[in-house]
Amino acid sequence: MTKNRKAQMKIQQMAFMLIAVTLLFVLVGMFLLIFKFSGLKESATDLEEKNAMLLVSKLANSPEFSCGRVYGDIIQSNCIDADKVMALKDSSSRYVNFWGISGLGIRKISNQQDILCTKSNYPNCNLIKLNLKSEVGFSVSNFASLCRKESTGSNIYDKCELARIIVSYEKR
């Protein structure tokens, strides 16, 4: 009987050792996974910022904003048609998921305080906001020309000003 007990003891020792080795490998695996995925949130935020910078560069040339040939025979790049943007402002809720951003703003470069553009005070304002979702998070910007048709009496001319287009993203 002592041989049986010794054999049983050896089997129990082997089972405990297998359990201990398995637990060790599981803990090491969990540690490696935590270490590997620890920077995932930061890298996702960095990727969103890079995408925002690319979007800001492309947005001024998109059909919804671009001047096209309206202000001359040559297609202008980085030119935003202010009249189009004001028309788009009324239907900005339709574009909530179109660009994948939370907010969009166009600010004329001037020394005056920010005056939010509405139908009643346009073009005597310097900030056009298209609030798509919210403005929580980070934003990136780029410079562009903001052009519109202006008239003095019977004379109609093109007025272009320097502006900054600002794209906002939500933080995750």
C-alpha atoms as a PDB file:
ATOM      1  CA  MET A   1       0.000   0.000   0.000  1.00  0.00           C
ATOM      2  CA  THR A   2       2.827   2.366   0.540  1.00  0.00           C
ATOM      3  CA  LYS A   3       3.728   2.076  -3.109  1.00  0.00           C
ATOM      4  CA  ASN A   4       0.195   3.180  -4.019  1.00  0.00           C
ATOM      5  CA  ARG A   5       0.403   6.126  -1.655  1.00  0.00           C
ATOM      6  CA  LYS A   6       3.767   7.181  -3.046  1.00  0.00           C
ATOM      7  CA  ALA A   7       2.397   6.927  -6.602  1.00  0.00           C
ATOM      8  CA  GLN A   8      -0.676   8.935  -5.662  1.00  0.00           C
ATOM      9  CA  MET A   9       1.534  11.538  -4.003  1.00  0.00           C
ATOM     10  CA  LYS A  10       3.686  11.785  -7.124  1.00  0.00           C
ATOM     11  CA  ILE A  11       0.587  12.187  -9.323  1.00  0.00           C
ATOM     12  CA  GLN A  12      -0.731  14.950  -7.041  1.00  0.00           C
ATOM     13  CA  GLN A  13       2.642  16.727  -7.095  1.00  0.00           C
ATOM     14  CA  MET A  14       2.719  16.520 -10.898  1.00  0.00           C
ATOM     15  CA  ALA A  15      -0.856  17.873 -11.129  1.00  0.00           C
ATOM     16  CA  PHE A  16      -0.010  20.808  -8.837  1.00  0.00           C
ATOM     17  CA  MET A  17       3.151  21.537 -10.848  1.00  0.00           C
ATOM     18  CA  LEU A  18       1.176  21.487 -14.120  1.00  0.00           C
ATOM     19  CA  ILE A  19      -1.400  23.863 -12.620  1.00  0.00           C
ATOM     20  CA  ALA A  20       1.364  26.163 -11.328  1.00  0.00           C
ATOM     21  CA  VAL A  21       3.181  26.216 -14.693  1.00  0.00           C
ATOM     22  CA  THR A  22      -0.118  26.876 -16.506  1.00  0.00           C
ATOM     23  CA  LEU A  23      -0.930  29.766 -14.153  1.00  0.00           C
ATOM     24  CA  LEU A  24       2.561  31.171 -14.666  1.00  0.00           C
ATOM     25  CA  PHE A  25       2.134  31.153 -18.456  1.00  0.00           C
ATOM     26  CA  VAL A  26      -1.331  32.727 -18.177  1.00  0.00           C
ATOM     27  CA  LEU A  27      -0.003  35.516 -15.951  1.00  0.00           C
ATOM     28  CA  VAL A  28       2.960  36.162 -18.269  1.00  0.00           C
ATOM     29  CA  GLY A  29       0.584  36.199 -21.277  1.00  0.00           C
ATOM     30  CA  MET A  30      -1.751  38.661 -19.549  1.00  0.00           C
ATOM     31  CA  PHE A  31       1.186  40.894 -18.644  1.00  0.00           C
ATOM     32  CA  LEU A  32       2.392  40.885 -22.256  1.00  0.00           C
ATOM     33  CA  LEU A  33      -1.101  41.716 -23.557  1.00  0.00           C
ATOM     34  CA  ILE A  34      -1.482  44.599 -21.096  1.00  0.00           C
ATOM     35  CA  PHE A  35       1.969  45.901 -22.023  1.00  0.00           C
ATOM     36  CA  LYS A  36       1.248  45.626 -25.757  1.00  0.00           C
ATOM     37  CA  PHE A  37      -2.172  47.342 -25.621  1.00  0.00           C
ATOM     38  CA  SER A  38      -1.251  50.022 -23.074  1.00  0.00           C
ATOM     39  CA  GLY A  39      -0.472  52.594 -25.808  1.00  0.00           C
ATOM     40  CA  LEU A  40      -3.465  51.736 -27.962  1.00  0.00           C
ATOM     41  CA  LYS A  41      -5.595  54.683 -26.828  1.00  0.00           C
ATOM     42  CA  GLU A  42      -2.778  57.171 -27.424  1.00  0.00           C
ATOM     43  CA  SER A  43      -2.030  55.756 -30.863  1.00  0.00           C
ATOM     44  CA  ALA A  44      -5.740  55.935 -31.771  1.00  0.00           C
ATOM     45  CA  THR A  45      -5.794  59.600 -30.712  1.00  0.00           C
ATOM     46  CA  ASP A  46      -2.648  60.286 -32.748  1.00  0.00           C
ATOM     47  CA  LEU A  47      -4.202  58.606 -35.766  1.00  0.00           C
ATOM     48  CA  GLU A  48      -7.367  60.705 -35.410  1.00  0.00           C
ATOM     49  CA  GLU A  49      -5.266  63.881 -35.226  1.00  0.00           C
ATOM     50  CA  LYS A  50      -3.408  62.923 -38.412  1.00  0.00           C
ATOM     51  CA  ASN A  51      -6.703  62.180 -40.154  1.00  0.00           C
ATOM     52  CA  ALA A  52      -8.038  65.539 -38.991  1.00  0.00           C
ATOM     53  CA  MET A  53      -5.022  67.338 -40.465  1.00  0.00           C
ATOM     54  CA  LEU A  54      -5.550  65.555 -43.777  1.00  0.00           C
ATOM     55  CA  LEU A  55      -9.262  66.336 -43.698  1.00  0.00           C
ATOM     56  CA  VAL A  56      -8.644  70.021 -43.022  1.00  0.00           C
ATOM     57  CA  SER A  57      -6.386  70.164 -46.061  1.00  0.00           C
ATOM     58  CA  LYS A  58      -8.960  68.405 -48.250  1.00  0.00           C
ATOM     59  CA  LEU A  59     -12.067  70.130 -46.894  1.00  0.00           C
ATOM     60  CA  ALA A  60     -11.384  73.516 -48.493  1.00  0.00           C
ATOM     61  CA  ASN A  61     -11.280  71.817 -51.892  1.00  0.00           C
ATOM     62  CA  SER A  62     -14.409  69.706 -51.393  1.00  0.00           C
ATOM     63  CA  PRO A  63     -17.455  70.560 -53.539  1.00  0.00           C
ATOM     64  CA  GLU A  64     -19.429  71.671 -50.476  1.00  0.00           C
ATOM     65  CA  PHE A  65     -16.948  74.463 -49.729  1.00  0.00           C
ATOM     66  CA  SER A  66     -14.773  75.117 -52.768  1.00  0.00           C
ATOM     67  CA  CYS A  67     -14.972  78.243 -54.880  1.00  0.00           C
ATOM     68  CA  GLY A  68     -14.466  76.335 -58.113  1.00  0.00           C
ATOM     69  CA  ARG A  69     -14.564  78.700 -61.107  1.00  0.00           C
ATOM     70  CA  VAL A  70     -16.949  81.165 -59.470  1.00  0.00           C
ATOM     71  CA  TYR A  71     -14.218  83.710 -58.786  1.00  0.00           C
ATOM     72  CA  GLY A  72     -12.421  83.582 -62.144  1.00  0.00           C
ATOM     73  CA  ASP A  73     -11.590  81.197 -64.960  1.00  0.00           C
ATOM     74  CA  ILE A  74      -8.947  79.335 -62.954  1.00  0.00           C
ATOM     75  CA  ILE A  75      -9.977  76.717 -60.386  1.00  0.00           C
ATOM     76  CA  GLN A  76      -8.633  78.012 -57.088  1.00  0.00           C
ATOM     77  CA  SER A  77      -7.280  75.660 -54.457  1.00  0.00           C
ATOM     78  CA  ASN A  78      -7.768  76.238 -50.721  1.00  0.00           C
ATOM     79  CA  CYS A  79     -10.568  78.650 -51.511  1.00  0.00           C
ATOM     80  CA  ILE A  80     -13.792  78.502 -49.488  1.00  0.00           C
ATOM     81  CA  ASP A  81     -16.990  80.028 -50.842  1.00  0.00           C
ATOM     82  CA  ALA A  82     -18.512  81.852 -47.863  1.00  0.00           C
ATOM     83  CA  ASP A  83     -21.964  81.966 -49.473  1.00  0.00           C
ATOM     84  CA  LYS A  84     -21.960  78.167 -49.879  1.00  0.00           C
ATOM     85  CA  VAL A  85     -20.910  77.697 -46.270  1.00  0.00           C
ATOM     86  CA  MET A  86     -23.705  79.955 -45.023  1.00  0.00           C
ATOM     87  CA  ALA A  87     -26.207  77.956 -47.098  1.00  0.00           C
ATOM     88  CA  LEU A  88     -24.714  74.735 -45.727  1.00  0.00           C
ATOM     89  CA  LYS A  89     -24.981  76.051 -42.164  1.00  0.00           C
ATOM     90  CA  ASP A  90     -28.779  75.654 -42.245  1.00  0.00           C
ATOM     91  CA  SER A  91     -28.538  71.983 -43.228  1.00  0.00           C
ATOM     92  CA  SER A  92     -25.424  71.032 -41.233  1.00  0.00           C
ATOM     93  CA  SER A  93     -27.368  68.422 -39.255  1.00  0.00           C
ATOM     94  CA  ARG A  94     -27.491  66.284 -42.423  1.00  0.00           C
ATOM     95  CA  TYR A  95     -23.693  66.122 -42.417  1.00  0.00           C
ATOM     96  CA  VAL A  96     -23.225  64.761 -38.884  1.00  0.00           C
ATOM     97  CA  ASN A  97     -21.708  61.458 -40.016  1.00  0.00           C
ATOM     98  CA  PHE A  98     -20.538  62.560 -43.467  1.00  0.00           C
ATOM     99  CA  TRP A  99     -17.072  63.814 -42.518  1.00  0.00           C
ATOM    100  CA  GLY A 100     -16.705  61.940 -39.226  1.00  0.00           C
ATOM    101  CA  ILE A 101     -16.021  65.106 -37.218  1.00  0.00           C
ATOM    102  CA  SER A 102     -17.786  66.733 -34.295  1.00  0.00           C
ATOM    103  CA  GLY A 103     -17.535  70.369 -35.324  1.00  0.00           C
ATOM    104  CA  LEU A 104     -16.359  72.688 -38.070  1.00  0.00           C
ATOM    105  CA  GLY A 105     -15.606  76.385 -37.933  1.00  0.00           C
ATOM    106  CA  ILE A 106     -14.267  79.020 -40.292  1.00  0.00           C
ATOM    107  CA  ARG A 107     -12.751  82.108 -38.700  1.00  0.00           C
ATOM    108  CA  LYS A 108     -11.692  85.172 -40.682  1.00  0.00           C
ATOM    109  CA  ILE A 109      -8.308  86.479 -39.656  1.00  0.00           C
ATOM    110  CA  SER A 110      -9.041  89.918 -38.183  1.00  0.00           C
ATOM    111  CA  ASN A 111      -8.383  92.017 -35.105  1.00  0.00           C
ATOM    112  CA  GLN A 112     -12.022  92.264 -34.044  1.00  0.00           C
ATOM    113  CA  GLN A 113     -13.783  90.100 -31.499  1.00  0.00           C
ATOM    114  CA  ASP A 114     -15.485  86.943 -32.711  1.00  0.00           C
ATOM    115  CA  ILE A 115     -18.929  87.666 -34.117  1.00  0.00           C
ATOM    116  CA  LEU A 116     -20.866  84.498 -34.900  1.00  0.00           C
ATOM    117  CA  CYS A 117     -22.363  84.565 -38.397  1.00  0.00           C
ATOM    118  CA  THR A 118     -26.114  84.322 -38.796  1.00  0.00           C
ATOM    119  CA  LYS A 119     -28.369  85.119 -41.729  1.00  0.00           C
ATOM    120  CA  SER A 120     -29.144  88.522 -40.262  1.00  0.00           C
ATOM    121  CA  ASN A 121     -25.547  89.741 -39.755  1.00  0.00           C
ATOM    122  CA  TYR A 122     -23.789  88.027 -42.695  1.00  0.00           C
ATOM    123  CA  PRO A 123     -21.242  89.191 -44.071  1.00  0.00           C
ATOM    124  CA  ASN A 124     -20.515  91.553 -41.154  1.00  0.00           C
ATOM    125  CA  CYS A 125     -19.196  88.723 -38.992  1.00  0.00           C
ATOM    126  CA  ASN A 126     -16.005  86.726 -38.725  1.00  0.00           C
ATOM    127  CA  LEU A 127     -16.901  83.267 -37.376  1.00  0.00           C
ATOM    128  CA  ILE A 128     -18.990  80.636 -39.151  1.00  0.00           C
ATOM    129  CA  LYS A 129     -19.705  77.540 -37.055  1.00  0.00           C
ATOM    130  CA  LEU A 130     -21.143  74.299 -38.316  1.00  0.00           C
ATOM    131  CA  ASN A 131     -21.824  72.429 -35.078  1.00  0.00           C
ATOM    132  CA  LEU A 132     -22.291  68.869 -36.132  1.00  0.00           C
ATOM    133  CA  LYS A 133     -22.179  67.093 -32.752  1.00  0.00           C
ATOM    134  CA  SER A 134     -20.199  68.848 -30.059  1.00  0.00           C
ATOM    135  CA  GLU A 135     -16.958  70.712 -29.610  1.00  0.00           C
ATOM    136  CA  VAL A 136     -15.457  68.491 -26.944  1.00  0.00           C
ATOM    137  CA  GLY A 137     -12.054  67.101 -27.815  1.00  0.00           C
ATOM    138  CA  PHE A 138      -9.240  68.446 -29.918  1.00  0.00           C
ATOM    139  CA  SER A 139      -9.172  70.587 -33.021  1.00  0.00           C
ATOM    140  CA  VAL A 140      -6.815  71.185 -35.906  1.00  0.00           C
ATOM    141  CA  SER A 141      -6.774  74.048 -38.367  1.00  0.00           C
ATOM    142  CA  ASN A 142      -5.331  75.274 -41.628  1.00  0.00           C
ATOM    143  CA  PHE A 143      -5.384  78.521 -43.576  1.00  0.00           C
ATOM    144  CA  ALA A 144      -7.584  79.098 -46.632  1.00  0.00           C
ATOM    145  CA  SER A 145      -9.080  81.940 -48.652  1.00  0.00           C
ATOM    146  CA  LEU A 146     -12.644  82.853 -47.734  1.00  0.00           C
ATOM    147  CA  CYS A 147     -14.311  84.463 -50.755  1.00  0.00           C
ATOM    148  CA  ARG A 148     -17.732  85.934 -51.440  1.00  0.00           C
ATOM    149  CA  LYS A 149     -19.460  88.219 -53.910  1.00  0.00           C
ATOM    150  CA  GLU A 150     -19.631  91.816 -52.712  1.00  0.00           C
ATOM    151  CA  SER A 151     -21.441  94.742 -54.285  1.00  0.00           C
ATOM    152  CA  THR A 152     -21.087  98.495 -54.102  1.00  0.00           C
ATOM    153  CA  GLY A 153     -24.046 100.029 -55.872  1.00  0.00           C
ATOM    154  CA  SER A 154     -24.193  98.485 -59.327  1.00  0.00           C
ATOM    155  CA  ASN A 155     -20.620  97.163 -59.188  1.00  0.00           C
ATOM    156  CA  ILE A 156     -20.195  93.488 -58.167  1.00  0.00           C
ATOM    157  CA  TYR A 157     -16.746  92.222 -57.266  1.00  0.00           C
ATOM    158  CA  ASP A 158     -15.073  89.254 -55.591  1.00  0.00           C
ATOM    159  CA  LYS A 159     -13.894  89.791 -52.021  1.00  0.00           C
ATOM    160  CA  CYS A 160     -11.439  87.271 -50.629  1.00  0.00           C
ATOM    161  CA  GLU A 161     -10.026  87.269 -47.097  1.00  0.00           C
ATOM    162  CA  LEU A 162      -7.622  85.051 -45.195  1.00  0.00           C
ATOM    163  CA  ALA A 163      -9.390  82.578 -42.918  1.00  0.00           C
ATOM    164  CA  ARG A 164      -8.631  79.593 -40.776  1.00  0.00           C
ATOM    165  CA  ILE A 165     -10.713  76.424 -41.166  1.00  0.00           C
ATOM    166  CA  ILE A 166     -10.991  74.537 -37.855  1.00  0.00           C
ATOM    167  CA  VAL A 167     -12.045  70.887 -37.554  1.00  0.00           C
ATOM    168  CA  SER A 168     -13.004  69.477 -34.117  1.00  0.00           C
ATOM    169  CA  TYR A 169     -12.912  65.825 -33.075  1.00  0.00           C
ATOM    170  CA  GLU A 170     -14.292  64.120 -30.001  1.00  0.00           C
ATOM    171  CA  LYS A 171     -11.820  62.559 -27.592  1.00  0.00           C
ATOM    172  CA  ARG A 172     -12.320  58.874 -27.014  1.00  0.00           C
END
